[in-house]
ModelCIF file with pLDDT and N, C-alpha, C, O atoms, coordinates in Angstrom:
data_MODEL
#
_entry.id   MODEL 
#
_entity.id                         1 
_entity.type                       polymer 
_entity.pdbx_number_of_molecules   1 
#
_entity_poly.entity_id                      1 
_entity_poly.type                           'polypeptide(L)' 
_entity_poly.nstd_linkage                   no 
_entity_poly.nstd_monomer                   no 
_entity_poly.pdbx_seq_one_letter_code       
;(UNK)(UNK)(UNK)(UNK)(UNK)(UNK)(UNK)(UNK)(UNK)(UNK)(UNK)(UNK)(UNK)(UNK)(UNK)(UNK)
(UNK)(UNK)(UNK)(UNK)(UNK)(UNK)(UNK)(UNK)(UNK)(UNK)(UNK)(UNK)(UNK)(UNK)(UNK)(UNK)
(UNK)(UNK)(UNK)(UNK)(UNK)(UNK)(UNK)(UNK)(UNK)(UNK)(UNK)(UNK)(UNK)(UNK)
;
_entity_poly.pdbx_seq_one_letter_code_can   XXXXXXXXXXXXXXXXXXXXXXXXXXXXXXXXXXXXXXXXXXXXXX 
_entity_poly.pdbx_strand_id                 A 
#
loop_
_entity_poly_seq.entity_id 
_entity_poly_seq.num 
_entity_poly_seq.mon_id 
_entity_poly_seq.hetero 
1 1  UNK n 
1 2  UNK n 
1 3  UNK n 
1 4  UNK n 
1 5  UNK n 
1 6  UNK n 
1 7  UNK n 
1 8  UNK n 
1 9  UNK n 
1 10 UNK n 
1 11 UNK n 
1 12 UNK n 
1 13 UNK n 
1 14 UNK n 
1 15 UNK n 
1 16 UNK n 
1 17 UNK n 
1 18 UNK n 
1 19 UNK n 
1 20 UNK n 
1 21 UNK n 
1 22 UNK n 
1 23 UNK n 
1 24 UNK n 
1 25 UNK n 
1 26 UNK n 
1 27 UNK n 
1 28 UNK n 
1 29 UNK n 
1 30 UNK n 
1 31 UNK n 
1 32 UNK n 
1 33 UNK n 
1 34 UNK n 
1 35 UNK n 
1 36 UNK n 
1 37 UNK n 
1 38 UNK n 
1 39 UNK n 
1 40 UNK n 
1 41 UNK n 
1 42 UNK n 
1 43 UNK n 
1 44 UNK n 
1 45 UNK n 
1 46 UNK n 
#
_struct_asym.id          A 
_struct_asym.entity_id   1 
#
loop_
_ma_qa_metric.id 
_ma_qa_metric.mode 
_ma_qa_metric.name 
_ma_qa_metric.software_group_id 
_ma_qa_metric.type 
1 global pLDDT . pLDDT 
2 local  pLDDT . pLDDT 
#
_ma_qa_metric_global.metric_id      1 
_ma_qa_metric_global.metric_value   82.17 
_ma_qa_metric_global.model_id       1 
_ma_qa_metric_global.ordinal_id     1 
#
loop_
_ma_qa_metric_local.label_asym_id 
_ma_qa_metric_local.label_comp_id 
_ma_qa_metric_local.label_seq_id 
_ma_qa_metric_local.metric_id 
_ma_qa_metric_local.metric_value 
_ma_qa_metric_local.model_id 
_ma_qa_metric_local.ordinal_id 
A UNK 1  2 63.00 1 1  
A UNK 2  2 56.00 1 2  
A UNK 3  2 55.00 1 3  
A UNK 4  2 51.00 1 4  
A UNK 5  2 50.00 1 5  
A UNK 6  2 51.00 1 6  
A UNK 7  2 48.00 1 7  
A UNK 8  2 45.00 1 8  
A UNK 9  2 44.00 1 9  
A UNK 10 2 42.00 1 10 
A UNK 11 2 52.00 1 11 
A UNK 12 2 81.00 1 12 
A UNK 13 2 86.00 1 13 
A UNK 14 2 87.00 1 14 
A UNK 15 2 89.00 1 15 
A UNK 16 2 92.00 1 16 
A UNK 17 2 92.00 1 17 
A UNK 18 2 93.00 1 18 
A UNK 19 2 93.00 1 19 
A UNK 20 2 94.00 1 20 
A UNK 21 2 93.00 1 21 
A UNK 22 2 94.00 1 22 
A UNK 23 2 93.00 1 23 
A UNK 24 2 92.00 1 24 
A UNK 25 2 92.00 1 25 
A UNK 26 2 93.00 1 26 
A UNK 27 2 92.00 1 27 
A UNK 28 2 90.00 1 28 
A UNK 29 2 91.00 1 29 
A UNK 30 2 92.00 1 30 
A UNK 31 2 91.00 1 31 
A UNK 32 2 93.00 1 32 
A UNK 33 2 92.00 1 33 
A UNK 34 2 94.00 1 34 
A UNK 35 2 94.00 1 35 
A UNK 36 2 94.00 1 36 
A UNK 37 2 94.00 1 37 
A UNK 38 2 94.00 1 38 
A UNK 39 2 94.00 1 39 
A UNK 40 2 95.00 1 40 
A UNK 41 2 94.00 1 41 
A UNK 42 2 94.00 1 42 
A UNK 43 2 94.00 1 43 
A UNK 44 2 93.00 1 44 
A UNK 45 2 92.00 1 45 
A UNK 46 2 92.00 1 46 
#
loop_
_atom_site.group_PDB 
_atom_site.id 
_atom_site.type_symbol 
_atom_site.label_atom_id 
_atom_site.label_alt_id 
_atom_site.label_comp_id 
_atom_site.label_asym_id 
_atom_site.label_entity_id 
_atom_site.label_seq_id 
_atom_site.pdbx_PDB_ins_code 
_atom_site.Cartn_x 
_atom_site.Cartn_y 
_atom_site.Cartn_z 
_atom_site.occupancy 
_atom_site.B_iso_or_equiv 
_atom_site.pdbx_formal_charge 
_atom_site.auth_seq_id 
_atom_site.auth_comp_id 
_atom_site.auth_asym_id 
_atom_site.auth_atom_id 
_atom_site.pdbx_PDB_model_num 
ATOM 1   N N  . UNK A 1 1  ? 3.788   -12.292 9.339   1.00 63.00 ? 1  UNK A N  1 
ATOM 2   C CA . UNK A 1 1  ? 4.693   -12.928 10.288  1.00 63.00 ? 1  UNK A CA 1 
ATOM 3   C C  . UNK A 1 1  ? 4.391   -14.411 10.433  1.00 63.00 ? 1  UNK A C  1 
ATOM 4   O O  . UNK A 1 1  ? 5.304   -15.223 10.581  1.00 63.00 ? 1  UNK A O  1 
ATOM 5   N N  . UNK A 1 2  ? 3.097   -14.770 10.391  1.00 56.00 ? 2  UNK A N  1 
ATOM 6   C CA . UNK A 1 2  ? 2.700   -16.168 10.589  1.00 56.00 ? 2  UNK A CA 1 
ATOM 7   C C  . UNK A 1 2  ? 3.152   -17.057 9.440   1.00 56.00 ? 2  UNK A C  1 
ATOM 8   O O  . UNK A 1 2  ? 3.453   -18.230 9.660   1.00 56.00 ? 2  UNK A O  1 
ATOM 9   N N  . UNK A 1 3  ? 3.206   -16.538 8.237   1.00 55.00 ? 3  UNK A N  1 
ATOM 10  C CA . UNK A 1 3  ? 3.590   -17.345 7.091   1.00 55.00 ? 3  UNK A CA 1 
ATOM 11  C C  . UNK A 1 3  ? 4.557   -16.552 6.230   1.00 55.00 ? 3  UNK A C  1 
ATOM 12  O O  . UNK A 1 3  ? 4.153   -15.792 5.349   1.00 55.00 ? 3  UNK A O  1 
ATOM 13  N N  . UNK A 1 4  ? 5.846   -16.744 6.503   1.00 51.00 ? 4  UNK A N  1 
ATOM 14  C CA . UNK A 1 4  ? 6.866   -15.987 5.781   1.00 51.00 ? 4  UNK A CA 1 
ATOM 15  C C  . UNK A 1 4  ? 7.155   -16.599 4.417   1.00 51.00 ? 4  UNK A C  1 
ATOM 16  O O  . UNK A 1 4  ? 7.996   -16.086 3.679   1.00 51.00 ? 4  UNK A O  1 
ATOM 17  N N  . UNK A 1 5  ? 6.461   -17.705 4.062   1.00 50.00 ? 5  UNK A N  1 
ATOM 18  C CA . UNK A 1 5  ? 6.716   -18.343 2.770   1.00 50.00 ? 5  UNK A CA 1 
ATOM 19  C C  . UNK A 1 5  ? 6.132   -17.562 1.616   1.00 50.00 ? 5  UNK A C  1 
ATOM 20  O O  . UNK A 1 5  ? 6.516   -17.793 0.470   1.00 50.00 ? 5  UNK A O  1 
ATOM 21  N N  . UNK A 1 6  ? 5.204   -16.631 1.880   1.00 51.00 ? 6  UNK A N  1 
ATOM 22  C CA . UNK A 1 6  ? 4.677   -15.793 0.809   1.00 51.00 ? 6  UNK A CA 1 
ATOM 23  C C  . UNK A 1 6  ? 5.780   -14.838 0.382   1.00 51.00 ? 6  UNK A C  1 
ATOM 24  O O  . UNK A 1 6  ? 6.231   -14.018 1.182   1.00 51.00 ? 6  UNK A O  1 
ATOM 25  N N  . UNK A 1 7  ? 6.213   -14.929 -0.844  1.00 48.00 ? 7  UNK A N  1 
ATOM 26  C CA . UNK A 1 7  ? 7.389   -14.205 -1.310  1.00 48.00 ? 7  UNK A CA 1 
ATOM 27  C C  . UNK A 1 7  ? 7.033   -12.856 -1.909  1.00 48.00 ? 7  UNK A C  1 
ATOM 28  O O  . UNK A 1 7  ? 5.863   -12.522 -2.096  1.00 48.00 ? 7  UNK A O  1 
ATOM 29  N N  . UNK A 1 8  ? 8.072   -12.095 -2.204  1.00 45.00 ? 8  UNK A N  1 
ATOM 30  C CA . UNK A 1 8  ? 7.942   -10.793 -2.872  1.00 45.00 ? 8  UNK A CA 1 
ATOM 31  C C  . UNK A 1 8  ? 7.046   -9.833  -2.097  1.00 45.00 ? 8  UNK A C  1 
ATOM 32  O O  . UNK A 1 8  ? 6.213   -9.135  -2.675  1.00 45.00 ? 8  UNK A O  1 
ATOM 33  N N  . UNK A 1 9  ? 7.238   -9.811  -0.751  1.00 44.00 ? 9  UNK A N  1 
ATOM 34  C CA . UNK A 1 9  ? 6.401   -8.937  0.059   1.00 44.00 ? 9  UNK A CA 1 
ATOM 35  C C  . UNK A 1 9  ? 6.541   -7.477  -0.348  1.00 44.00 ? 9  UNK A C  1 
ATOM 36  O O  . UNK A 1 9  ? 5.594   -6.697  -0.247  1.00 44.00 ? 9  UNK A O  1 
ATOM 37  N N  . UNK A 1 10 ? 7.734   -7.119  -0.809  1.00 42.00 ? 10 UNK A N  1 
ATOM 38  C CA . UNK A 1 10 ? 7.957   -5.722  -1.131  1.00 42.00 ? 10 UNK A CA 1 
ATOM 39  C C  . UNK A 1 10 ? 7.483   -5.330  -2.514  1.00 42.00 ? 10 UNK A C  1 
ATOM 40  O O  . UNK A 1 10 ? 7.602   -4.165  -2.895  1.00 42.00 ? 10 UNK A O  1 
ATOM 41  N N  . UNK A 1 11 ? 6.950   -6.267  -3.273  1.00 52.00 ? 11 UNK A N  1 
ATOM 42  C CA . UNK A 1 11 ? 6.615   -5.957  -4.650  1.00 52.00 ? 11 UNK A CA 1 
ATOM 43  C C  . UNK A 1 11 ? 5.163   -6.234  -5.021  1.00 52.00 ? 11 UNK A C  1 
ATOM 44  O O  . UNK A 1 11 ? 4.697   -5.728  -6.042  1.00 52.00 ? 11 UNK A O  1 
ATOM 45  N N  . UNK A 1 12 ? 4.430   -7.018  -4.231  1.00 81.00 ? 12 UNK A N  1 
ATOM 46  C CA . UNK A 1 12 ? 3.065   -7.304  -4.618  1.00 81.00 ? 12 UNK A CA 1 
ATOM 47  C C  . UNK A 1 12 ? 2.150   -6.160  -4.205  1.00 81.00 ? 12 UNK A C  1 
ATOM 48  O O  . UNK A 1 12 ? 2.486   -5.368  -3.325  1.00 81.00 ? 12 UNK A O  1 
ATOM 49  N N  . UNK A 1 13 ? 0.998   -6.083  -4.847  1.00 86.00 ? 13 UNK A N  1 
ATOM 50  C CA . UNK A 1 13 ? 0.089   -4.961  -4.638  1.00 86.00 ? 13 UNK A CA 1 
ATOM 51  C C  . UNK A 1 13 ? -0.494  -4.934  -3.233  1.00 86.00 ? 13 UNK A C  1 
ATOM 52  O O  . UNK A 1 13 ? -0.722  -3.856  -2.684  1.00 86.00 ? 13 UNK A O  1 
ATOM 53  N N  . UNK A 1 14 ? -0.737  -6.092  -2.645  1.00 87.00 ? 14 UNK A N  1 
ATOM 54  C CA . UNK A 1 14 ? -1.303  -6.132  -1.297  1.00 87.00 ? 14 UNK A CA 1 
ATOM 55  C C  . UNK A 1 14 ? -0.363  -5.457  -0.311  1.00 87.00 ? 14 UNK A C  1 
ATOM 56  O O  . UNK A 1 14 ? -0.794  -4.637  0.500   1.00 87.00 ? 14 UNK A O  1 
ATOM 57  N N  . UNK A 1 15 ? 0.911   -5.797  -0.376  1.00 89.00 ? 15 UNK A N  1 
ATOM 58  C CA . UNK A 1 15 ? 1.883   -5.193  0.536   1.00 89.00 ? 15 UNK A CA 1 
ATOM 59  C C  . UNK A 1 15 ? 1.979   -3.692  0.302   1.00 89.00 ? 15 UNK A C  1 
ATOM 60  O O  . UNK A 1 15 ? 2.036   -2.913  1.254   1.00 89.00 ? 15 UNK A O  1 
ATOM 61  N N  . UNK A 1 16 ? 1.997   -3.285  -0.968  1.00 92.00 ? 16 UNK A N  1 
ATOM 62  C CA . UNK A 1 16 ? 2.072   -1.857  -1.290  1.00 92.00 ? 16 UNK A CA 1 
ATOM 63  C C  . UNK A 1 16 ? 0.846   -1.118  -0.767  1.00 92.00 ? 16 UNK A C  1 
ATOM 64  O O  . UNK A 1 16 ? 0.969   -0.035  -0.194  1.00 92.00 ? 16 UNK A O  1 
ATOM 65  N N  . UNK A 1 17 ? -0.346  -1.706  -0.965  1.00 92.00 ? 17 UNK A N  1 
ATOM 66  C CA . UNK A 1 17 ? -1.562  -1.040  -0.530  1.00 92.00 ? 17 UNK A CA 1 
ATOM 67  C C  . UNK A 1 17 ? -1.614  -0.918  0.988   1.00 92.00 ? 17 UNK A C  1 
ATOM 68  O O  . UNK A 1 17 ? -2.059  0.102   1.513   1.00 92.00 ? 17 UNK A O  1 
ATOM 69  N N  . UNK A 1 18 ? -1.163  -1.951  1.695   1.00 93.00 ? 18 UNK A N  1 
ATOM 70  C CA . UNK A 1 18 ? -1.183  -1.888  3.158   1.00 93.00 ? 18 UNK A CA 1 
ATOM 71  C C  . UNK A 1 18 ? -0.150  -0.910  3.700   1.00 93.00 ? 18 UNK A C  1 
ATOM 72  O O  . UNK A 1 18 ? -0.362  -0.303  4.750   1.00 93.00 ? 18 UNK A O  1 
ATOM 73  N N  . UNK A 1 19 ? 0.966   -0.753  2.993   1.00 93.00 ? 19 UNK A N  1 
ATOM 74  C CA . UNK A 1 19 ? 1.941   0.259   3.404   1.00 93.00 ? 19 UNK A CA 1 
ATOM 75  C C  . UNK A 1 19 ? 1.325   1.659   3.284   1.00 93.00 ? 19 UNK A C  1 
ATOM 76  O O  . UNK A 1 19 ? 1.531   2.510   4.150   1.00 93.00 ? 19 UNK A O  1 
ATOM 77  N N  . UNK A 1 20 ? 0.574   1.887   2.212   1.00 94.00 ? 20 UNK A N  1 
ATOM 78  C CA . UNK A 1 20 ? -0.101  3.173   2.044   1.00 94.00 ? 20 UNK A CA 1 
ATOM 79  C C  . UNK A 1 20 ? -1.210  3.349   3.071   1.00 94.00 ? 20 UNK A C  1 
ATOM 80  O O  . UNK A 1 20 ? -1.429  4.453   3.568   1.00 94.00 ? 20 UNK A O  1 
ATOM 81  N N  . UNK A 1 21 ? -1.914  2.256   3.392   1.00 93.00 ? 21 UNK A N  1 
ATOM 82  C CA . UNK A 1 21 ? -2.969  2.337   4.406   1.00 93.00 ? 21 UNK A CA 1 
ATOM 83  C C  . UNK A 1 21 ? -2.371  2.671   5.769   1.00 93.00 ? 21 UNK A C  1 
ATOM 84  O O  . UNK A 1 21 ? -2.942  3.458   6.524   1.00 93.00 ? 21 UNK A O  1 
ATOM 85  N N  . UNK A 1 22 ? -1.214  2.071   6.088   1.00 94.00 ? 22 UNK A N  1 
ATOM 86  C CA . UNK A 1 22 ? -0.563  2.351   7.364   1.00 94.00 ? 22 UNK A CA 1 
ATOM 87  C C  . UNK A 1 22 ? -0.144  3.816   7.448   1.00 94.00 ? 22 UNK A C  1 
ATOM 88  O O  . UNK A 1 22 ? -0.279  4.440   8.500   1.00 94.00 ? 22 UNK A O  1 
ATOM 89  N N  . UNK A 1 23 ? 0.362   4.368   6.346   1.00 93.00 ? 23 UNK A N  1 
ATOM 90  C CA . UNK A 1 23 ? 0.718   5.793   6.321   1.00 93.00 ? 23 UNK A CA 1 
ATOM 91  C C  . UNK A 1 23 ? -0.509  6.658   6.552   1.00 93.00 ? 23 UNK A C  1 
ATOM 92  O O  . UNK A 1 23 ? -0.460  7.654   7.272   1.00 93.00 ? 23 UNK A O  1 
ATOM 93  N N  . UNK A 1 24 ? -1.613  6.258   5.926   1.00 92.00 ? 24 UNK A N  1 
ATOM 94  C CA . UNK A 1 24 ? -2.857  7.009   6.073   1.00 92.00 ? 24 UNK A CA 1 
ATOM 95  C C  . UNK A 1 24 ? -3.352  6.980   7.516   1.00 92.00 ? 24 UNK A C  1 
ATOM 96  O O  . UNK A 1 24 ? -3.908  7.962   8.008   1.00 92.00 ? 24 UNK A O  1 
ATOM 97  N N  . UNK A 1 25 ? -3.148  5.847   8.192   1.00 92.00 ? 25 UNK A N  1 
ATOM 98  C CA . UNK A 1 25 ? -3.564  5.730   9.602   1.00 92.00 ? 25 UNK A CA 1 
ATOM 99  C C  . UNK A 1 25 ? -2.709  6.640   10.480  1.00 92.00 ? 25 UNK A C  1 
ATOM 100 O O  . UNK A 1 25 ? -3.226  7.325   11.362  1.00 92.00 ? 25 UNK A O  1 
ATOM 101 N N  . UNK A 1 26 ? -1.386  6.643   10.231  1.00 93.00 ? 26 UNK A N  1 
ATOM 102 C CA . UNK A 1 26 ? -0.489  7.452   11.059  1.00 93.00 ? 26 UNK A CA 1 
ATOM 103 C C  . UNK A 1 26 ? -0.727  8.946   10.844  1.00 93.00 ? 26 UNK A C  1 
ATOM 104 O O  . UNK A 1 26 ? -0.897  9.700   11.802  1.00 93.00 ? 26 UNK A O  1 
ATOM 105 N N  . UNK A 1 27 ? -0.738  9.363   9.582   1.00 92.00 ? 27 UNK A N  1 
ATOM 106 C CA . UNK A 1 27 ? -0.902  10.788  9.291   1.00 92.00 ? 27 UNK A CA 1 
ATOM 107 C C  . UNK A 1 27 ? -1.282  10.943  7.829   1.00 92.00 ? 27 UNK A C  1 
ATOM 108 O O  . UNK A 1 27 ? -0.410  10.858  6.964   1.00 92.00 ? 27 UNK A O  1 
ATOM 109 N N  . UNK A 1 28 ? -2.547  11.167  7.526   1.00 90.00 ? 28 UNK A N  1 
ATOM 110 C CA . UNK A 1 28 ? -2.965  11.299  6.119   1.00 90.00 ? 28 UNK A CA 1 
ATOM 111 C C  . UNK A 1 28 ? -2.229  12.406  5.381   1.00 90.00 ? 28 UNK A C  1 
ATOM 112 O O  . UNK A 1 28 ? -2.098  12.360  4.158   1.00 90.00 ? 28 UNK A O  1 
ATOM 113 N N  . UNK A 1 29 ? -1.739  13.419  6.135   1.00 91.00 ? 29 UNK A N  1 
ATOM 114 C CA . UNK A 1 29 ? -1.050  14.527  5.471   1.00 91.00 ? 29 UNK A CA 1 
ATOM 115 C C  . UNK A 1 29 ? 0.306   14.099  4.922   1.00 91.00 ? 29 UNK A C  1 
ATOM 116 O O  . UNK A 1 29 ? 0.892   14.810  4.105   1.00 91.00 ? 29 UNK A O  1 
ATOM 117 N N  . UNK A 1 30 ? 0.816   12.935  5.364   1.00 92.00 ? 30 UNK A N  1 
ATOM 118 C CA . UNK A 1 30 ? 2.105   12.441  4.865   1.00 92.00 ? 30 UNK A CA 1 
ATOM 119 C C  . UNK A 1 30 ? 1.993   11.844  3.458   1.00 92.00 ? 30 UNK A C  1 
ATOM 120 O O  . UNK A 1 30 ? 3.005   11.602  2.800   1.00 92.00 ? 30 UNK A O  1 
ATOM 121 N N  . UNK A 1 31 ? 0.766   11.609  3.006   1.00 91.00 ? 31 UNK A N  1 
ATOM 122 C CA . UNK A 1 31 ? 0.578   11.075  1.669   1.00 91.00 ? 31 UNK A CA 1 
ATOM 123 C C  . UNK A 1 31 ? 0.848   12.142  0.623   1.00 91.00 ? 31 UNK A C  1 
ATOM 124 O O  . UNK A 1 31 ? 0.302   13.243  0.698   1.00 91.00 ? 31 UNK A O  1 
ATOM 125 N N  . UNK A 1 32 ? 1.697   11.816  -0.362  1.00 93.00 ? 32 UNK A N  1 
ATOM 126 C CA . UNK A 1 32 ? 1.957   12.745  -1.453  1.00 93.00 ? 32 UNK A CA 1 
ATOM 127 C C  . UNK A 1 32 ? 0.909   12.548  -2.544  1.00 93.00 ? 32 UNK A C  1 
ATOM 128 O O  . UNK A 1 32 ? 0.118   11.605  -2.505  1.00 93.00 ? 32 UNK A O  1 
ATOM 129 N N  . UNK A 1 33 ? 0.921   13.458  -3.520  1.00 92.00 ? 33 UNK A N  1 
ATOM 130 C CA . UNK A 1 33 ? 0.011   13.312  -4.646  1.00 92.00 ? 33 UNK A CA 1 
ATOM 131 C C  . UNK A 1 33 ? 0.266   12.008  -5.399  1.00 92.00 ? 33 UNK A C  1 
ATOM 132 O O  . UNK A 1 33 ? -0.663  11.380  -5.907  1.00 92.00 ? 33 UNK A O  1 
ATOM 133 N N  . UNK A 1 34 ? 1.524   11.617  -5.462  1.00 94.00 ? 34 UNK A N  1 
ATOM 134 C CA . UNK A 1 34 ? 1.855   10.347  -6.132  1.00 94.00 ? 34 UNK A CA 1 
ATOM 135 C C  . UNK A 1 34 ? 1.260   9.180   -5.357  1.00 94.00 ? 34 UNK A C  1 
ATOM 136 O O  . UNK A 1 34 ? 0.750   8.235   -5.958  1.00 94.00 ? 34 UNK A O  1 
ATOM 137 N N  . UNK A 1 35 ? 1.321   9.236   -4.009  1.00 94.00 ? 35 UNK A N  1 
ATOM 138 C CA . UNK A 1 35 ? 0.734   8.164   -3.192  1.00 94.00 ? 35 UNK A CA 1 
ATOM 139 C C  . UNK A 1 35 ? -0.763  8.037   -3.438  1.00 94.00 ? 35 UNK A C  1 
ATOM 140 O O  . UNK A 1 35 ? -1.284  6.936   -3.615  1.00 94.00 ? 35 UNK A O  1 
ATOM 141 N N  . UNK A 1 36 ? -1.449  9.179   -3.446  1.00 94.00 ? 36 UNK A N  1 
ATOM 142 C CA . UNK A 1 36 ? -2.907  9.157   -3.640  1.00 94.00 ? 36 UNK A CA 1 
ATOM 143 C C  . UNK A 1 36 ? -3.248  8.635   -5.044  1.00 94.00 ? 36 UNK A C  1 
ATOM 144 O O  . UNK A 1 36 ? -4.204  7.880   -5.219  1.00 94.00 ? 36 UNK A O  1 
ATOM 145 N N  . UNK A 1 37 ? -2.459  9.046   -6.029  1.00 94.00 ? 37 UNK A N  1 
ATOM 146 C CA . UNK A 1 37 ? -2.684  8.545   -7.379  1.00 94.00 ? 37 UNK A CA 1 
ATOM 147 C C  . UNK A 1 37 ? -2.478  7.041   -7.471  1.00 94.00 ? 37 UNK A C  1 
ATOM 148 O O  . UNK A 1 37 ? -3.200  6.347   -8.186  1.00 94.00 ? 37 UNK A O  1 
ATOM 149 N N  . UNK A 1 38 ? -1.481  6.543   -6.736  1.00 94.00 ? 38 UNK A N  1 
ATOM 150 C CA . UNK A 1 38 ? -1.236  5.107   -6.754  1.00 94.00 ? 38 UNK A CA 1 
ATOM 151 C C  . UNK A 1 38 ? -2.383  4.351   -6.080  1.00 94.00 ? 38 UNK A C  1 
ATOM 152 O O  . UNK A 1 38 ? -2.799  3.303   -6.573  1.00 94.00 ? 38 UNK A O  1 
ATOM 153 N N  . UNK A 1 39 ? -2.891  4.859   -4.974  1.00 94.00 ? 39 UNK A N  1 
ATOM 154 C CA . UNK A 1 39 ? -4.044  4.244   -4.308  1.00 94.00 ? 39 UNK A CA 1 
ATOM 155 C C  . UNK A 1 39 ? -5.232  4.212   -5.258  1.00 94.00 ? 39 UNK A C  1 
ATOM 156 O O  . UNK A 1 39 ? -5.922  3.199   -5.367  1.00 94.00 ? 39 UNK A O  1 
ATOM 157 N N  . UNK A 1 40 ? -5.468  5.323   -5.944  1.00 95.00 ? 40 UNK A N  1 
ATOM 158 C CA . UNK A 1 40 ? -6.578  5.394   -6.894  1.00 95.00 ? 40 UNK A CA 1 
ATOM 159 C C  . UNK A 1 40 ? -6.440  4.356   -8.000  1.00 95.00 ? 40 UNK A C  1 
ATOM 160 O O  . UNK A 1 40 ? -7.428  3.750   -8.417  1.00 95.00 ? 40 UNK A O  1 
ATOM 161 N N  . UNK A 1 41 ? -5.197  4.148   -8.481  1.00 94.00 ? 41 UNK A N  1 
ATOM 162 C CA . UNK A 1 41 ? -4.975  3.178   -9.544  1.00 94.00 ? 41 UNK A CA 1 
ATOM 163 C C  . UNK A 1 41 ? -5.228  1.753   -9.048  1.00 94.00 ? 41 UNK A C  1 
ATOM 164 O O  . UNK A 1 41 ? -5.900  0.976   -9.727  1.00 94.00 ? 41 UNK A O  1 
ATOM 165 N N  . UNK A 1 42 ? -4.696  1.401   -7.869  1.00 94.00 ? 42 UNK A N  1 
ATOM 166 C CA . UNK A 1 42 ? -4.852  0.037   -7.340  1.00 94.00 ? 42 UNK A CA 1 
ATOM 167 C C  . UNK A 1 42 ? -6.326  -0.253  -7.065  1.00 94.00 ? 42 UNK A C  1 
ATOM 168 O O  . UNK A 1 42 ? -6.829  -1.313  -7.436  1.00 94.00 ? 42 UNK A O  1 
ATOM 169 N N  . UNK A 1 43 ? -7.020  0.687   -6.416  1.00 94.00 ? 43 UNK A N  1 
ATOM 170 C CA . UNK A 1 43 ? -8.432  0.487   -6.088  1.00 94.00 ? 43 UNK A CA 1 
ATOM 171 C C  . UNK A 1 43 ? -9.264  0.422   -7.365  1.00 94.00 ? 43 UNK A C  1 
ATOM 172 O O  . UNK A 1 43 ? -10.160 -0.414  -7.485  1.00 94.00 ? 43 UNK A O  1 
ATOM 173 N N  . UNK A 1 44 ? -8.966  1.307   -8.322  1.00 93.00 ? 44 UNK A N  1 
ATOM 174 C CA . UNK A 1 44 ? -9.715  1.312   -9.573  1.00 93.00 ? 44 UNK A CA 1 
ATOM 175 C C  . UNK A 1 44 ? -9.542  0.015   -10.351 1.00 93.00 ? 44 UNK A C  1 
ATOM 176 O O  . UNK A 1 44 ? -10.509 -0.522  -10.893 1.00 93.00 ? 44 UNK A O  1 
ATOM 177 N N  . UNK A 1 45 ? -8.301  -0.493  -10.407 1.00 92.00 ? 45 UNK A N  1 
ATOM 178 C CA . UNK A 1 45 ? -8.052  -1.763  -11.097 1.00 92.00 ? 45 UNK A CA 1 
ATOM 179 C C  . UNK A 1 45 ? -8.831  -2.894  -10.446 1.00 92.00 ? 45 UNK A C  1 
ATOM 180 O O  . UNK A 1 45 ? -9.392  -3.751  -11.128 1.00 92.00 ? 45 UNK A O  1 
ATOM 181 N N  . UNK A 1 46 ? -8.860  -2.885  -9.116  1.00 92.00 ? 46 UNK A N  1 
ATOM 182 C CA . UNK A 1 46 ? -9.572  -3.945  -8.394  1.00 92.00 ? 46 UNK A CA 1 
ATOM 183 C C  . UNK A 1 46 ? -11.072 -3.901  -8.700  1.00 92.00 ? 46 UNK A C  1 
ATOM 184 O O  . UNK A 1 46 ? -11.832 -4.718  -8.182  1.00 92.00 ? 46 UNK A O  1 
#
């Protein structure tokens, strides 16, 4: 919110990872197998 000049919020890995983290905070059971696999890929690449 403080700096809206950072573009492609919906496509960069940081935004994607934080969306998954927010889901995990609300209800970990809402994560699908695809979500968990994607988290594993992003964390592993890092």
